[in-house]
Full PDB file with SEQRES, HELIX, SHEET, SSBOND, CRYST1, ORIGX, SCALE, CONECT and MASTER records, all heavy atoms in Angstrom:
SEQRES   1 A   41  PHE ASP PHE ASP CYS VAL TRP ASN GLN ILE ARG ASP CYS          
SEQRES   2 A   41  ILE LEU GLU ALA PHE SER GLY PRO PRO ASP SER GLY GLU          
SEQRES   3 A   41  TYR SER PRO SER TYR GLN LYS THR VAL ASN ARG ILE GLN          
SEQRES   4 A   41  MET LEU                                                      
HELIX    1 AA1 PHE A    3  SER A   19  1                                  17    
HELIX    2 AA2 TYR A   31  MET A   40  1                                  10    
CRYST1    1.000    1.000    1.000  90.00  90.00  90.00 P 1           1          
ORIGX1      1.000000  0.000000  0.000000        0.00000                         
ORIGX2      0.000000  1.000000  0.000000        0.00000                         
ORIGX3      0.000000  0.000000  1.000000        0.00000                         
SCALE1      1.000000  0.000000  0.000000        0.00000                         
SCALE2      0.000000  1.000000  0.000000        0.00000                         
SCALE3      0.000000  0.000000  1.000000        0.00000                         
ATOM      1  N   PHE A   1       3.828  20.187  -5.935  1.00  0.00           N  
ATOM      2  CA  PHE A   1       2.975  19.926  -4.755  1.00  0.00           C  
ATOM      3  C   PHE A   1       3.456  20.663  -3.565  1.00  0.00           C  
ATOM      4  O   PHE A   1       4.689  21.200  -3.504  1.00  0.00           O  
ATOM      5  CB  PHE A   1       3.045  18.449  -4.256  1.00  0.00           C  
ATOM      6  CG  PHE A   1       2.509  17.483  -5.298  1.00  0.00           C  
ATOM      7  CD1 PHE A   1       3.052  16.256  -5.575  1.00  0.00           C  
ATOM      8  CD2 PHE A   1       1.297  17.840  -6.001  1.00  0.00           C  
ATOM      9  CE1 PHE A   1       2.534  15.354  -6.432  1.00  0.00           C  
ATOM     10  CE2 PHE A   1       0.733  16.863  -6.918  1.00  0.00           C  
ATOM     11  CZ  PHE A   1       1.335  15.669  -7.201  1.00  0.00           C  
ATOM     12  N   ASP A   2       2.615  21.037  -2.628  1.00  0.00           N  
ATOM     13  CA  ASP A   2       2.986  21.553  -1.270  1.00  0.00           C  
ATOM     14  C   ASP A   2       3.512  20.381  -0.507  1.00  0.00           C  
ATOM     15  O   ASP A   2       2.603  19.791   0.214  1.00  0.00           O  
ATOM     16  CB  ASP A   2       1.808  22.328  -0.620  1.00  0.00           C  
ATOM     17  CG  ASP A   2       2.261  22.991   0.637  1.00  0.00           C  
ATOM     18  OD1 ASP A   2       3.311  22.603   1.256  1.00  0.00           O  
ATOM     19  OD2 ASP A   2       1.605  23.890   1.092  1.00  0.00           O  
ATOM     20  N   PHE A   3       4.752  19.989  -0.592  1.00  0.00           N  
ATOM     21  CA  PHE A   3       5.100  18.754   0.013  1.00  0.00           C  
ATOM     22  C   PHE A   3       5.042  18.740   1.534  1.00  0.00           C  
ATOM     23  O   PHE A   3       4.710  17.664   2.149  1.00  0.00           O  
ATOM     24  CB  PHE A   3       6.619  18.464  -0.394  1.00  0.00           C  
ATOM     25  CG  PHE A   3       6.849  18.136  -1.847  1.00  0.00           C  
ATOM     26  CD1 PHE A   3       7.441  18.966  -2.678  1.00  0.00           C  
ATOM     27  CD2 PHE A   3       6.330  16.965  -2.298  1.00  0.00           C  
ATOM     28  CE1 PHE A   3       7.633  18.673  -4.011  1.00  0.00           C  
ATOM     29  CE2 PHE A   3       6.481  16.545  -3.682  1.00  0.00           C  
ATOM     30  CZ  PHE A   3       7.125  17.493  -4.535  1.00  0.00           C  
ATOM     31  N   ASP A   4       5.351  19.929   2.126  1.00  0.00           N  
ATOM     32  CA  ASP A   4       5.178  19.914   3.647  1.00  0.00           C  
ATOM     33  C   ASP A   4       3.703  19.717   4.059  1.00  0.00           C  
ATOM     34  O   ASP A   4       3.399  18.910   5.038  1.00  0.00           O  
ATOM     35  CB  ASP A   4       5.581  21.330   4.156  1.00  0.00           C  
ATOM     36  CG  ASP A   4       7.124  21.481   4.206  1.00  0.00           C  
ATOM     37  OD1 ASP A   4       7.822  20.438   4.089  1.00  0.00           O  
ATOM     38  OD2 ASP A   4       7.549  22.672   4.268  1.00  0.00           O  
ATOM     39  N   CYS A   5       2.821  20.293   3.329  1.00  0.00           N  
ATOM     40  CA  CYS A   5       1.335  20.184   3.733  1.00  0.00           C  
ATOM     41  C   CYS A   5       0.925  18.722   3.615  1.00  0.00           C  
ATOM     42  O   CYS A   5       0.226  18.040   4.373  1.00  0.00           O  
ATOM     43  CB  CYS A   5       0.474  21.064   2.851  1.00  0.00           C  
ATOM     44  SG  CYS A   5      -1.232  20.984   3.136  1.00  0.00           S  
ATOM     45  N   VAL A   6       1.343  18.049   2.302  1.00  0.00           N  
ATOM     46  CA  VAL A   6       0.954  16.682   2.129  1.00  0.00           C  
ATOM     47  C   VAL A   6       1.544  15.730   3.058  1.00  0.00           C  
ATOM     48  O   VAL A   6       0.862  14.845   3.610  1.00  0.00           O  
ATOM     49  CB  VAL A   6       1.328  16.350   0.682  1.00  0.00           C  
ATOM     50  CG1 VAL A   6       0.898  14.866   0.446  1.00  0.00           C  
ATOM     51  CG2 VAL A   6       0.506  17.202  -0.315  1.00  0.00           C  
ATOM     52  N   TRP A   7       2.850  16.010   3.425  1.00  0.00           N  
ATOM     53  CA  TRP A   7       3.499  15.146   4.396  1.00  0.00           C  
ATOM     54  C   TRP A   7       2.801  15.171   5.774  1.00  0.00           C  
ATOM     55  O   TRP A   7       2.463  14.093   6.373  1.00  0.00           O  
ATOM     56  CB  TRP A   7       4.966  15.480   4.606  1.00  0.00           C  
ATOM     57  CG  TRP A   7       5.755  14.478   5.299  1.00  0.00           C  
ATOM     58  CD1 TRP A   7       6.421  13.356   4.820  1.00  0.00           C  
ATOM     59  CD2 TRP A   7       5.929  14.464   6.722  1.00  0.00           C  
ATOM     60  NE1 TRP A   7       6.990  12.662   5.869  1.00  0.00           N  
ATOM     61  CE2 TRP A   7       6.768  13.268   7.100  1.00  0.00           C  
ATOM     62  CE3 TRP A   7       5.513  15.256   7.749  1.00  0.00           C  
ATOM     63  CZ2 TRP A   7       7.120  13.035   8.333  1.00  0.00           C  
ATOM     64  CZ3 TRP A   7       5.937  15.010   9.103  1.00  0.00           C  
ATOM     65  CH2 TRP A   7       6.790  13.840   9.321  1.00  0.00           C  
ATOM     66  N   ASN A   8       2.488  16.277   6.253  1.00  0.00           N  
ATOM     67  CA  ASN A   8       1.771  16.475   7.548  1.00  0.00           C  
ATOM     68  C   ASN A   8       0.450  15.911   7.432  1.00  0.00           C  
ATOM     69  O   ASN A   8      -0.048  15.313   8.501  1.00  0.00           O  
ATOM     70  CB  ASN A   8       1.644  17.938   7.896  1.00  0.00           C  
ATOM     71  CG  ASN A   8       3.045  18.547   8.344  1.00  0.00           C  
ATOM     72  OD1 ASN A   8       3.751  17.848   9.105  1.00  0.00           O  
ATOM     73  ND2 ASN A   8       3.361  19.712   7.935  1.00  0.00           N  
ATOM     74  N   GLN A   9      -0.308  15.999   6.356  1.00  0.00           N  
ATOM     75  CA  GLN A   9      -1.573  15.393   6.202  1.00  0.00           C  
ATOM     76  C   GLN A   9      -1.493  13.846   6.271  1.00  0.00           C  
ATOM     77  O   GLN A   9      -2.401  13.192   6.925  1.00  0.00           O  
ATOM     78  CB  GLN A   9      -2.233  15.883   4.873  1.00  0.00           C  
ATOM     79  CG  GLN A   9      -3.671  15.367   4.718  1.00  0.00           C  
ATOM     80  CD  GLN A   9      -4.330  15.829   3.387  1.00  0.00           C  
ATOM     81  OE1 GLN A   9      -3.584  16.490   2.591  1.00  0.00           O  
ATOM     82  NE2 GLN A   9      -5.625  15.583   3.295  1.00  0.00           N  
ATOM     83  N   ILE A  10      -0.527  13.263   5.634  1.00  0.00           N  
ATOM     84  CA  ILE A  10      -0.394  11.813   5.618  1.00  0.00           C  
ATOM     85  C   ILE A  10      -0.019  11.376   7.035  1.00  0.00           C  
ATOM     86  O   ILE A  10      -0.468  10.300   7.636  1.00  0.00           O  
ATOM     87  CB  ILE A  10       0.666  11.407   4.582  1.00  0.00           C  
ATOM     88  CG1 ILE A  10       0.225  11.695   3.240  1.00  0.00           C  
ATOM     89  CG2 ILE A  10       1.022   9.895   4.767  1.00  0.00           C  
ATOM     90  CD1 ILE A  10       1.209  11.412   2.121  1.00  0.00           C  
ATOM     91  N   ARG A  11       0.887  12.071   7.744  1.00  0.00           N  
ATOM     92  CA  ARG A  11       1.172  11.741   9.072  1.00  0.00           C  
ATOM     93  C   ARG A  11      -0.004  11.782   9.958  1.00  0.00           C  
ATOM     94  O   ARG A  11      -0.344  10.869  10.857  1.00  0.00           O  
ATOM     95  CB  ARG A  11       2.221  12.636   9.591  1.00  0.00           C  
ATOM     96  CG  ARG A  11       2.764  12.214  10.997  1.00  0.00           C  
ATOM     97  CD  ARG A  11       3.878  13.161  11.470  1.00  0.00           C  
ATOM     98  NE  ARG A  11       4.497  12.680  12.734  1.00  0.00           N  
ATOM     99  CZ  ARG A  11       3.988  12.963  13.911  1.00  0.00           C  
ATOM    100  NH1 ARG A  11       2.842  13.645  14.025  1.00  0.00           N  
ATOM    101  NH2 ARG A  11       4.591  12.518  15.064  1.00  0.00           N  
ATOM    102  N   ASP A  12      -0.915  12.717   9.783  1.00  0.00           N  
ATOM    103  CA  ASP A  12      -2.165  12.811  10.613  1.00  0.00           C  
ATOM    104  C   ASP A  12      -3.057  11.549  10.221  1.00  0.00           C  
ATOM    105  O   ASP A  12      -3.720  11.020  11.183  1.00  0.00           O  
ATOM    106  CB  ASP A  12      -2.975  14.061  10.266  1.00  0.00           C  
ATOM    107  CG  ASP A  12      -2.261  15.377  10.894  1.00  0.00           C  
ATOM    108  OD1 ASP A  12      -1.380  15.120  11.767  1.00  0.00           O  
ATOM    109  OD2 ASP A  12      -2.494  16.451  10.449  1.00  0.00           O  
ATOM    110  N   CYS A  13      -3.120  11.207   8.960  1.00  0.00           N  
ATOM    111  CA  CYS A  13      -3.867   9.990   8.515  1.00  0.00           C  
ATOM    112  C   CYS A  13      -3.376   8.726   9.306  1.00  0.00           C  
ATOM    113  O   CYS A  13      -4.154   7.893   9.673  1.00  0.00           O  
ATOM    114  CB  CYS A  13      -3.778   9.832   7.054  1.00  0.00           C  
ATOM    115  SG  CYS A  13      -4.847  10.965   6.109  1.00  0.00           S  
ATOM    116  N   ILE A  14      -2.055   8.630   9.428  1.00  0.00           N  
ATOM    117  CA  ILE A  14      -1.466   7.376  10.021  1.00  0.00           C  
ATOM    118  C   ILE A  14      -1.928   7.414  11.521  1.00  0.00           C  
ATOM    119  O   ILE A  14      -2.405   6.340  12.010  1.00  0.00           O  
ATOM    120  CB  ILE A  14       0.064   7.508   9.940  1.00  0.00           C  
ATOM    121  CG1 ILE A  14       0.569   7.357   8.460  1.00  0.00           C  
ATOM    122  CG2 ILE A  14       0.719   6.433  10.797  1.00  0.00           C  
ATOM    123  CD1 ILE A  14       2.052   7.569   8.235  1.00  0.00           C  
ATOM    124  N   LEU A  15      -1.745   8.521  12.174  1.00  0.00           N  
ATOM    125  CA  LEU A  15      -2.240   8.561  13.567  1.00  0.00           C  
ATOM    126  C   LEU A  15      -3.720   8.338  13.700  1.00  0.00           C  
ATOM    127  O   LEU A  15      -4.177   7.612  14.610  1.00  0.00           O  
ATOM    128  CB  LEU A  15      -1.917   9.995  14.113  1.00  0.00           C  
ATOM    129  CG  LEU A  15      -0.358  10.343  14.104  1.00  0.00           C  
ATOM    130  CD1 LEU A  15      -0.193  11.723  14.756  1.00  0.00           C  
ATOM    131  CD2 LEU A  15       0.489   9.286  14.823  1.00  0.00           C  
ATOM    132  N   GLU A  16      -4.530   8.890  12.882  1.00  0.00           N  
ATOM    133  CA  GLU A  16      -6.027   8.718  12.858  1.00  0.00           C  
ATOM    134  C   GLU A  16      -6.468   7.262  12.615  1.00  0.00           C  
ATOM    135  O   GLU A  16      -7.212   6.692  13.392  1.00  0.00           O  
ATOM    136  CB  GLU A  16      -6.736   9.686  11.896  1.00  0.00           C  
ATOM    137  CG  GLU A  16      -8.184   9.548  11.866  1.00  0.00           C  
ATOM    138  CD  GLU A  16      -8.844  10.461  10.782  1.00  0.00           C  
ATOM    139  OE1 GLU A  16      -8.135  11.278  10.274  1.00  0.00           O  
ATOM    140  OE2 GLU A  16     -10.037  10.104  10.345  1.00  0.00           O  
ATOM    141  N   ALA A  17      -5.846   6.713  11.629  1.00  0.00           N  
ATOM    142  CA  ALA A  17      -6.233   5.303  11.305  1.00  0.00           C  
ATOM    143  C   ALA A  17      -5.788   4.355  12.330  1.00  0.00           C  
ATOM    144  O   ALA A  17      -6.457   3.322  12.617  1.00  0.00           O  
ATOM    145  CB  ALA A  17      -5.684   4.982   9.898  1.00  0.00           C  
ATOM    146  N   PHE A  18      -4.529   4.579  12.937  1.00  0.00           N  
ATOM    147  CA  PHE A  18      -4.089   3.695  13.970  1.00  0.00           C  
ATOM    148  C   PHE A  18      -4.919   3.742  15.250  1.00  0.00           C  
ATOM    149  O   PHE A  18      -5.258   2.805  15.821  1.00  0.00           O  
ATOM    150  CB  PHE A  18      -2.573   4.087  14.264  1.00  0.00           C  
ATOM    151  CG  PHE A  18      -2.007   3.228  15.362  1.00  0.00           C  
ATOM    152  CD1 PHE A  18      -1.435   1.970  15.200  1.00  0.00           C  
ATOM    153  CD2 PHE A  18      -2.082   3.752  16.685  1.00  0.00           C  
ATOM    154  CE1 PHE A  18      -0.885   1.202  16.206  1.00  0.00           C  
ATOM    155  CE2 PHE A  18      -1.474   2.955  17.725  1.00  0.00           C  
ATOM    156  CZ  PHE A  18      -0.902   1.696  17.538  1.00  0.00           C  
ATOM    157  N   SER A  19      -5.298   5.008  15.674  1.00  0.00           N  
ATOM    158  CA  SER A  19      -5.963   5.258  16.945  1.00  0.00           C  
ATOM    159  C   SER A  19      -7.440   5.182  16.887  1.00  0.00           C  
ATOM    160  O   SER A  19      -8.067   4.624  17.916  1.00  0.00           O  
ATOM    161  CB  SER A  19      -5.561   6.608  17.403  1.00  0.00           C  
ATOM    162  OG  SER A  19      -4.159   6.734  17.490  1.00  0.00           O  
ATOM    163  N   GLY A  20      -8.081   5.584  15.781  1.00  0.00           N  
ATOM    164  CA  GLY A  20      -9.553   5.671  15.918  1.00  0.00           C  
ATOM    165  C   GLY A  20     -10.057   6.945  16.490  1.00  0.00           C  
ATOM    166  O   GLY A  20      -9.143   7.828  16.900  1.00  0.00           O  
ATOM    167  N   PRO A  21     -11.316   7.147  16.703  1.00  0.00           N  
ATOM    168  CA  PRO A  21     -11.882   8.309  17.294  1.00  0.00           C  
ATOM    169  C   PRO A  21     -11.226   8.545  18.673  1.00  0.00           C  
ATOM    170  O   PRO A  21     -11.035   7.635  19.408  1.00  0.00           O  
ATOM    171  CB  PRO A  21     -13.450   8.098  17.381  1.00  0.00           C  
ATOM    172  CG  PRO A  21     -13.677   7.122  16.380  1.00  0.00           C  
ATOM    173  CD  PRO A  21     -12.408   6.177  16.272  1.00  0.00           C  
ATOM    174  N   PRO A  22     -10.965   9.892  19.077  1.00  0.00           N  
ATOM    175  CA  PRO A  22     -10.241  10.129  20.275  1.00  0.00           C  
ATOM    176  C   PRO A  22     -11.032   9.733  21.532  1.00  0.00           C  
ATOM    177  O   PRO A  22     -10.436   9.431  22.603  1.00  0.00           O  
ATOM    178  CB  PRO A  22     -10.007  11.641  20.359  1.00  0.00           C  
ATOM    179  CG  PRO A  22     -11.045  12.205  19.329  1.00  0.00           C  
ATOM    180  CD  PRO A  22     -11.195  11.039  18.275  1.00  0.00           C  
ATOM    181  N   ASP A  23     -12.367   9.713  21.568  1.00  0.00           N  
ATOM    182  CA  ASP A  23     -13.155   9.386  22.711  1.00  0.00           C  
ATOM    183  C   ASP A  23     -13.431   7.995  22.865  1.00  0.00           C  
ATOM    184  O   ASP A  23     -13.921   7.479  23.946  1.00  0.00           O  
ATOM    185  CB  ASP A  23     -14.453  10.140  22.706  1.00  0.00           C  
ATOM    186  CG  ASP A  23     -15.283   9.823  21.524  1.00  0.00           C  
ATOM    187  OD1 ASP A  23     -14.731   9.301  20.493  1.00  0.00           O  
ATOM    188  OD2 ASP A  23     -16.551  10.183  21.517  1.00  0.00           O  
ATOM    189  N   SER A  24     -13.170   7.108  21.864  1.00  0.00           N  
ATOM    190  CA  SER A  24     -13.603   5.725  21.917  1.00  0.00           C  
ATOM    191  C   SER A  24     -12.614   4.760  21.251  1.00  0.00           C  
ATOM    192  O   SER A  24     -12.492   3.612  21.631  1.00  0.00           O  
ATOM    193  CB  SER A  24     -14.947   5.512  21.272  1.00  0.00           C  
ATOM    194  OG  SER A  24     -14.892   5.847  19.903  1.00  0.00           O  
ATOM    195  N   GLY A  25     -11.758   5.156  20.285  1.00  0.00           N  
ATOM    196  CA  GLY A  25     -10.943   4.388  19.589  1.00  0.00           C  
ATOM    197  C   GLY A  25     -11.703   3.582  18.525  1.00  0.00           C  
ATOM    198  O   GLY A  25     -12.861   3.767  18.266  1.00  0.00           O  
ATOM    199  N   GLU A  26     -10.899   2.664  17.849  1.00  0.00           N  
ATOM    200  CA  GLU A  26     -11.476   1.704  16.906  1.00  0.00           C  
ATOM    201  C   GLU A  26     -10.873   0.339  17.009  1.00  0.00           C  
ATOM    202  O   GLU A  26      -9.623   0.322  17.051  1.00  0.00           O  
ATOM    203  CB  GLU A  26     -11.390   2.256  15.517  1.00  0.00           C  
ATOM    204  CG  GLU A  26     -12.122   1.484  14.470  1.00  0.00           C  
ATOM    205  CD  GLU A  26     -12.112   2.153  13.061  1.00  0.00           C  
ATOM    206  OE1 GLU A  26     -11.742   3.352  13.046  1.00  0.00           O  
ATOM    207  OE2 GLU A  26     -12.632   1.565  12.133  1.00  0.00           O  
ATOM    208  N   TYR A  27     -11.621  -0.727  17.072  1.00  0.00           N  
ATOM    209  CA  TYR A  27     -11.063  -2.051  17.252  1.00  0.00           C  
ATOM    210  C   TYR A  27     -10.221  -2.535  16.105  1.00  0.00           C  
ATOM    211  O   TYR A  27     -10.589  -2.377  14.903  1.00  0.00           O  
ATOM    212  CB  TYR A  27     -12.158  -3.065  17.501  1.00  0.00           C  
ATOM    213  CG  TYR A  27     -11.752  -4.403  17.878  1.00  0.00           C  
ATOM    214  CD1 TYR A  27     -11.232  -4.658  19.044  1.00  0.00           C  
ATOM    215  CD2 TYR A  27     -11.809  -5.439  16.858  1.00  0.00           C  
ATOM    216  CE1 TYR A  27     -10.777  -5.987  19.344  1.00  0.00           C  
ATOM    217  CE2 TYR A  27     -11.321  -6.740  17.167  1.00  0.00           C  
ATOM    218  CZ  TYR A  27     -10.830  -6.977  18.413  1.00  0.00           C  
ATOM    219  OH  TYR A  27     -10.436  -8.257  18.716  1.00  0.00           O  
ATOM    220  N   SER A  28      -9.041  -3.066  16.380  1.00  0.00           N  
ATOM    221  CA  SER A  28      -8.227  -3.579  15.423  1.00  0.00           C  
ATOM    222  C   SER A  28      -8.135  -5.149  15.573  1.00  0.00           C  
ATOM    223  O   SER A  28      -7.726  -5.590  16.614  1.00  0.00           O  
ATOM    224  CB  SER A  28      -6.782  -3.076  15.545  1.00  0.00           C  
ATOM    225  OG  SER A  28      -5.795  -3.820  14.773  1.00  0.00           O  
ATOM    226  N   PRO A  29      -8.653  -5.925  14.568  1.00  0.00           N  
ATOM    227  CA  PRO A  29      -8.647  -7.396  14.774  1.00  0.00           C  
ATOM    228  C   PRO A  29      -7.288  -7.983  14.347  1.00  0.00           C  
ATOM    229  O   PRO A  29      -7.081  -9.152  14.638  1.00  0.00           O  
ATOM    230  CB  PRO A  29      -9.660  -7.811  13.684  1.00  0.00           C  
ATOM    231  CG  PRO A  29      -9.659  -6.814  12.641  1.00  0.00           C  
ATOM    232  CD  PRO A  29      -9.373  -5.439  13.305  1.00  0.00           C  
ATOM    233  N   SER A  30      -6.325  -7.180  13.862  1.00  0.00           N  
ATOM    234  CA  SER A  30      -5.033  -7.675  13.473  1.00  0.00           C  
ATOM    235  C   SER A  30      -4.096  -6.470  13.077  1.00  0.00           C  
ATOM    236  O   SER A  30      -4.605  -5.398  12.779  1.00  0.00           O  
ATOM    237  CB  SER A  30      -5.088  -8.701  12.358  1.00  0.00           C  
ATOM    238  OG  SER A  30      -5.435  -8.002  11.097  1.00  0.00           O  
ATOM    239  N   TYR A  31      -2.831  -6.793  13.119  1.00  0.00           N  
ATOM    240  CA  TYR A  31      -1.889  -5.737  12.655  1.00  0.00           C  
ATOM    241  C   TYR A  31      -2.099  -5.502  11.174  1.00  0.00           C  
ATOM    242  O   TYR A  31      -1.923  -4.385  10.729  1.00  0.00           O  
ATOM    243  CB  TYR A  31      -0.432  -6.304  12.911  1.00  0.00           C  
ATOM    244  CG  TYR A  31       0.031  -6.077  14.376  1.00  0.00           C  
ATOM    245  CD1 TYR A  31      -0.204  -7.129  15.337  1.00  0.00           C  
ATOM    246  CD2 TYR A  31       0.684  -4.919  14.802  1.00  0.00           C  
ATOM    247  CE1 TYR A  31       0.213  -6.919  16.592  1.00  0.00           C  
ATOM    248  CE2 TYR A  31       1.047  -4.829  16.115  1.00  0.00           C  
ATOM    249  CZ  TYR A  31       0.842  -5.816  17.059  1.00  0.00           C  
ATOM    250  OH  TYR A  31       1.314  -5.662  18.302  1.00  0.00           O  
ATOM    251  N   GLN A  32      -2.424  -6.523  10.430  1.00  0.00           N  
ATOM    252  CA  GLN A  32      -2.569  -6.476   9.010  1.00  0.00           C  
ATOM    253  C   GLN A  32      -3.763  -5.474   8.711  1.00  0.00           C  
ATOM    254  O   GLN A  32      -3.711  -4.676   7.730  1.00  0.00           O  
ATOM    255  CB  GLN A  32      -2.931  -7.837   8.313  1.00  0.00           C  
ATOM    256  CG  GLN A  32      -1.666  -8.748   8.314  1.00  0.00           C  
ATOM    257  CD  GLN A  32      -1.411  -9.555   9.586  1.00  0.00           C  
ATOM    258  OE1 GLN A  32      -2.031  -9.189  10.666  1.00  0.00           O  
ATOM    259  NE2 GLN A  32      -0.713 -10.641   9.503  1.00  0.00           N  
ATOM    260  N   LYS A  33      -4.858  -5.558   9.404  1.00  0.00           N  
ATOM    261  CA  LYS A  33      -5.985  -4.785   9.221  1.00  0.00           C  
ATOM    262  C   LYS A  33      -5.612  -3.338   9.500  1.00  0.00           C  
ATOM    263  O   LYS A  33      -6.113  -2.361   8.793  1.00  0.00           O  
ATOM    264  CB  LYS A  33      -7.212  -5.154  10.067  1.00  0.00           C  
ATOM    265  CG  LYS A  33      -8.419  -4.365   9.787  1.00  0.00           C  
ATOM    266  CD  LYS A  33      -8.872  -4.374   8.395  1.00  0.00           C  
ATOM    267  CE  LYS A  33     -10.179  -3.564   8.168  1.00  0.00           C  
ATOM    268  NZ  LYS A  33     -10.556  -3.422   6.822  1.00  0.00           N  
ATOM    269  N   THR A  34      -4.907  -3.110  10.589  1.00  0.00           N  
ATOM    270  CA  THR A  34      -4.427  -1.707  10.882  1.00  0.00           C  
ATOM    271  C   THR A  34      -3.573  -1.138   9.787  1.00  0.00           C  
ATOM    272  O   THR A  34      -3.745   0.039   9.379  1.00  0.00           O  
ATOM    273  CB  THR A  34      -3.622  -1.752  12.192  1.00  0.00           C  
ATOM    274  OG1 THR A  34      -4.458  -2.112  13.271  1.00  0.00           O  
ATOM    275  CG2 THR A  34      -3.028  -0.369  12.504  1.00  0.00           C  
ATOM    276  N   VAL A  35      -2.658  -1.868   9.202  1.00  0.00           N  
ATOM    277  CA  VAL A  35      -1.873  -1.414   8.092  1.00  0.00           C  
ATOM    278  C   VAL A  35      -2.782  -0.946   6.972  1.00  0.00           C  
ATOM    279  O   VAL A  35      -2.659   0.055   6.266  1.00  0.00           O  
ATOM    280  CB  VAL A  35      -0.856  -2.516   7.678  1.00  0.00           C  
ATOM    281  CG1 VAL A  35      -0.222  -2.187   6.303  1.00  0.00           C  
ATOM    282  CG2 VAL A  35       0.258  -2.693   8.745  1.00  0.00           C  
ATOM    283  N   ASN A  36      -3.779  -1.876   6.591  1.00  0.00           N  
ATOM    284  CA  ASN A  36      -4.633  -1.676   5.470  1.00  0.00           C  
ATOM    285  C   ASN A  36      -5.505  -0.337   5.767  1.00  0.00           C  
ATOM    286  O   ASN A  36      -5.726   0.452   4.807  1.00  0.00           O  
ATOM    287  CB  ASN A  36      -5.524  -2.753   5.209  1.00  0.00           C  
ATOM    288  CG  ASN A  36      -6.522  -2.534   4.069  1.00  0.00           C  
ATOM    289  OD1 ASN A  36      -7.691  -2.197   4.273  1.00  0.00           O  
ATOM    290  ND2 ASN A  36      -6.051  -2.605   2.855  1.00  0.00           N  
ATOM    291  N   ARG A  37      -5.926  -0.247   6.951  1.00  0.00           N  
ATOM    292  CA  ARG A  37      -6.752   0.983   7.355  1.00  0.00           C  
ATOM    293  C   ARG A  37      -5.916   2.238   7.154  1.00  0.00           C  
ATOM    294  O   ARG A  37      -6.464   3.218   6.667  1.00  0.00           O  
ATOM    295  CB  ARG A  37      -7.157   0.834   8.803  1.00  0.00           C  
ATOM    296  CG  ARG A  37      -8.173   1.852   9.228  1.00  0.00           C  
ATOM    297  CD  ARG A  37      -8.589   1.599  10.753  1.00  0.00           C  
ATOM    298  NE  ARG A  37      -9.421   0.364  10.805  1.00  0.00           N  
ATOM    299  CZ  ARG A  37      -9.509  -0.426  11.905  1.00  0.00           C  
ATOM    300  NH1 ARG A  37      -8.749  -0.124  12.966  1.00  0.00           N  
ATOM    301  NH2 ARG A  37     -10.200  -1.482  11.905  1.00  0.00           N  
ATOM    302  N   ILE A  38      -4.683   2.182   7.517  1.00  0.00           N  
ATOM    303  CA  ILE A  38      -3.819   3.378   7.265  1.00  0.00           C  
ATOM    304  C   ILE A  38      -3.678   3.716   5.812  1.00  0.00           C  
ATOM    305  O   ILE A  38      -3.850   4.809   5.323  1.00  0.00           O  
ATOM    306  CB  ILE A  38      -2.410   3.163   7.870  1.00  0.00           C  
ATOM    307  CG1 ILE A  38      -2.422   3.187   9.393  1.00  0.00           C  
ATOM    308  CG2 ILE A  38      -1.328   4.196   7.349  1.00  0.00           C  
ATOM    309  CD1 ILE A  38      -1.213   2.706  10.079  1.00  0.00           C  
ATOM    310  N   GLN A  39      -3.449   2.624   4.982  1.00  0.00           N  
ATOM    311  CA  GLN A  39      -3.222   2.874   3.563  1.00  0.00           C  
ATOM    312  C   GLN A  39      -4.508   3.413   2.896  1.00  0.00           C  
ATOM    313  O   GLN A  39      -4.523   4.358   2.031  1.00  0.00           O  
ATOM    314  CB  GLN A  39      -2.755   1.657   2.915  1.00  0.00           C  
ATOM    315  CG  GLN A  39      -1.423   1.111   3.383  1.00  0.00           C  
ATOM    316  CD  GLN A  39      -1.014  -0.302   2.801  1.00  0.00           C  
ATOM    317  OE1 GLN A  39      -1.912  -1.206   2.948  1.00  0.00           O  
ATOM    318  NE2 GLN A  39       0.128  -0.450   2.286  1.00  0.00           N  
ATOM    319  N   MET A  40      -5.646   2.834   3.232  1.00  0.00           N  
ATOM    320  CA  MET A  40      -6.877   3.181   2.644  1.00  0.00           C  
ATOM    321  C   MET A  40      -7.231   4.656   3.034  1.00  0.00           C  
ATOM    322  O   MET A  40      -7.682   5.458   2.173  1.00  0.00           O  
ATOM    323  CB  MET A  40      -8.115   2.329   3.077  1.00  0.00           C  
ATOM    324  CG  MET A  40      -7.873   0.886   2.513  1.00  0.00           C  
ATOM    325  SD  MET A  40      -8.067   0.771   0.704  1.00  0.00           S  
ATOM    326  CE  MET A  40      -9.804   1.154   0.541  1.00  0.00           C  
ATOM    327  N   LEU A  41      -6.915   5.150   4.230  1.00  0.00           N  
ATOM    328  CA  LEU A  41      -7.270   6.490   4.673  1.00  0.00           C  
ATOM    329  C   LEU A  41      -6.339   7.469   3.918  1.00  0.00           C  
ATOM    330  O   LEU A  41      -6.801   8.519   3.431  1.00  0.00           O  
ATOM    331  CB  LEU A  41      -7.073   6.615   6.150  1.00  0.00           C  
ATOM    332  CG  LEU A  41      -7.545   7.985   6.663  1.00  0.00           C  
ATOM    333  CD1 LEU A  41      -9.007   8.182   6.455  1.00  0.00           C  
ATOM    334  CD2 LEU A  41      -7.258   8.039   8.197  1.00  0.00           C  
TER     335      LEU A  41                                                      
MASTER        0    0    0    2    0    0    0    6  334    1    0    4          
END                                                                             
């Protein structure tokens, strides 16, 4: 694998799933849902 590329991509997924779209965000009903959203992405 290209480990550097995959690691950076996963880090971007964590930030994206936690934050939501940059202009509006995304509502989080719980910490648990945020964790699941990160894993699914």
